[in-house]
Amino acid sequence: MLLTILVTVAVIAAVVFLMKKGKIADANNNNIPDALEHVAAEVKEEVKEVAAKVKKTTAKKKTTKKEQK
């Protein structure tokens, strides 16, 4: 457990160091690498699409069950 915490802290420190040196892009200086922000935005968009599909499918199934009764 302690080793996991130490490794995590070391990785975070390394990323922050590399951002400060300019090796990892962080255009808005919020200490979150731009690559991670880009991936998070893509995942968020994908989740919205899947949620809309699930909602649409669920609504169809509810309508079909009501019609069968």
C-alpha atoms as a PDB file:
ATOM      1  CA  MET A   1       0.000   0.000   0.000  1.00  0.00           C
ATOM      2  CA  LEU A   2       2.753   2.410   0.971  1.00  0.00           C
ATOM      3  CA  LEU A   3       4.715   1.531  -2.163  1.00  0.00           C
ATOM      4  CA  THR A   4       1.674   2.316  -4.330  1.00  0.00           C
ATOM      5  CA  ILE A   5       1.277   5.710  -2.690  1.00  0.00           C
ATOM      6  CA  LEU A   6       4.977   6.509  -3.120  1.00  0.00           C
ATOM      7  CA  VAL A   7       4.948   5.503  -6.788  1.00  0.00           C
ATOM      8  CA  THR A   8       1.831   7.578  -7.414  1.00  0.00           C
ATOM      9  CA  VAL A   9       3.349  10.641  -5.763  1.00  0.00           C
ATOM     10  CA  ALA A  10       6.572  10.144  -7.752  1.00  0.00           C
ATOM     11  CA  VAL A  11       4.679   9.930 -11.058  1.00  0.00           C
ATOM     12  CA  ILE A  12       2.656  13.052 -10.275  1.00  0.00           C
ATOM     13  CA  ALA A  13       5.824  14.915  -9.290  1.00  0.00           C
ATOM     14  CA  ALA A  14       7.533  13.818 -12.517  1.00  0.00           C
ATOM     15  CA  VAL A  15       4.604  14.990 -14.645  1.00  0.00           C
ATOM     16  CA  VAL A  16       4.489  18.372 -12.901  1.00  0.00           C
ATOM     17  CA  PHE A  17       8.260  18.735 -13.318  1.00  0.00           C
ATOM     18  CA  LEU A  18       8.067  17.919 -17.031  1.00  0.00           C
ATOM     19  CA  MET A  19       5.200  20.400 -17.498  1.00  0.00           C
ATOM     20  CA  LYS A  20       7.207  23.149 -15.814  1.00  0.00           C
ATOM     21  CA  LYS A  21      10.186  22.354 -18.085  1.00  0.00           C
ATOM     22  CA  GLY A  22       7.918  22.543 -21.152  1.00  0.00           C
ATOM     23  CA  LYS A  23       8.285  18.879 -22.150  1.00  0.00           C
ATOM     24  CA  ILE A  24       4.572  18.220 -21.600  1.00  0.00           C
ATOM     25  CA  ALA A  25       2.115  20.761 -23.032  1.00  0.00           C
ATOM     26  CA  ASP A  26      -0.120  22.681 -20.619  1.00  0.00           C
ATOM     27  CA  ALA A  27      -1.371  25.734 -22.518  1.00  0.00           C
ATOM     28  CA  ASN A  28      -3.717  27.053 -19.827  1.00  0.00           C
ATOM     29  CA  ASN A  29      -1.350  26.408 -16.863  1.00  0.00           C
ATOM     30  CA  ASN A  30      -3.869  24.475 -14.780  1.00  0.00           C
ATOM     31  CA  ASN A  31      -1.383  21.642 -14.088  1.00  0.00           C
ATOM     32  CA  ILE A  32      -3.416  19.192 -16.162  1.00  0.00           C
ATOM     33  CA  PRO A  33      -1.582  18.075 -19.315  1.00  0.00           C
ATOM     34  CA  ASP A  34      -3.354  19.079 -22.523  1.00  0.00           C
ATOM     35  CA  ALA A  35      -3.258  15.481 -23.750  1.00  0.00           C
ATOM     36  CA  LEU A  36      -5.288  14.370 -20.709  1.00  0.00           C
ATOM     37  CA  GLU A  37      -7.770  17.206 -21.200  1.00  0.00           C
ATOM     38  CA  HIS A  38      -8.215  16.148 -24.830  1.00  0.00           C
ATOM     39  CA  VAL A  39      -8.793  12.493 -23.907  1.00  0.00           C
ATOM     40  CA  ALA A  40     -11.228  13.486 -21.148  1.00  0.00           C
ATOM     41  CA  ALA A  41     -13.224  15.610 -23.614  1.00  0.00           C
ATOM     42  CA  GLU A  42     -13.422  12.689 -26.051  1.00  0.00           C
ATOM     43  CA  VAL A  43     -14.549  10.287 -23.329  1.00  0.00           C
ATOM     44  CA  LYS A  44     -17.154  12.780 -22.117  1.00  0.00           C
ATOM     45  CA  GLU A  45     -18.567  13.108 -25.651  1.00  0.00           C
ATOM     46  CA  GLU A  46     -18.657   9.324 -26.081  1.00  0.00           C
ATOM     47  CA  VAL A  47     -20.479   8.900 -22.756  1.00  0.00           C
ATOM     48  CA  LYS A  48     -23.091  11.464 -23.831  1.00  0.00           C
ATOM     49  CA  GLU A  49     -23.690   9.547 -27.074  1.00  0.00           C
ATOM     50  CA  VAL A  50     -23.999   6.187 -25.305  1.00  0.00           C
ATOM     51  CA  ALA A  51     -26.300   7.659 -22.653  1.00  0.00           C
ATOM     52  CA  ALA A  52     -28.558   9.069 -25.369  1.00  0.00           C
ATOM     53  CA  LYS A  53     -28.701   5.658 -27.092  1.00  0.00           C
ATOM     54  CA  VAL A  54     -29.515   3.893 -23.822  1.00  0.00           C
ATOM     55  CA  LYS A  55     -32.222   6.421 -23.000  1.00  0.00           C
ATOM     56  CA  LYS A  56     -33.736   6.036 -26.476  1.00  0.00           C
ATOM     57  CA  THR A  57     -33.647   2.222 -26.276  1.00  0.00           C
ATOM     58  CA  THR A  58     -35.155   2.236 -22.790  1.00  0.00           C
ATOM     59  CA  ALA A  59     -37.957   4.529 -23.902  1.00  0.00           C
ATOM     60  CA  LYS A  60     -38.753   2.208 -26.831  1.00  0.00           C
ATOM     61  CA  LYS A  61     -38.886  -0.836 -24.555  1.00  0.00           C
ATOM     62  CA  LYS A  62     -41.185   0.932 -22.072  1.00  0.00           C
ATOM     63  CA  THR A  63     -43.499   1.963 -24.921  1.00  0.00           C
ATOM     64  CA  THR A  64     -43.547  -1.590 -26.296  1.00  0.00           C
ATOM     65  CA  LYS A  65     -44.400  -3.086 -22.893  1.00  0.00           C
ATOM     66  CA  LYS A  66     -47.273  -0.632 -22.409  1.00  0.00           C
ATOM     67  CA  GLU A  67     -48.663  -1.466 -25.859  1.00  0.00           C
ATOM     68  CA  GLN A  68     -48.598  -5.206 -25.106  1.00  0.00           C
ATOM     69  CA  LYS A  69     -50.735  -4.818 -21.964  1.00  0.00           C
END
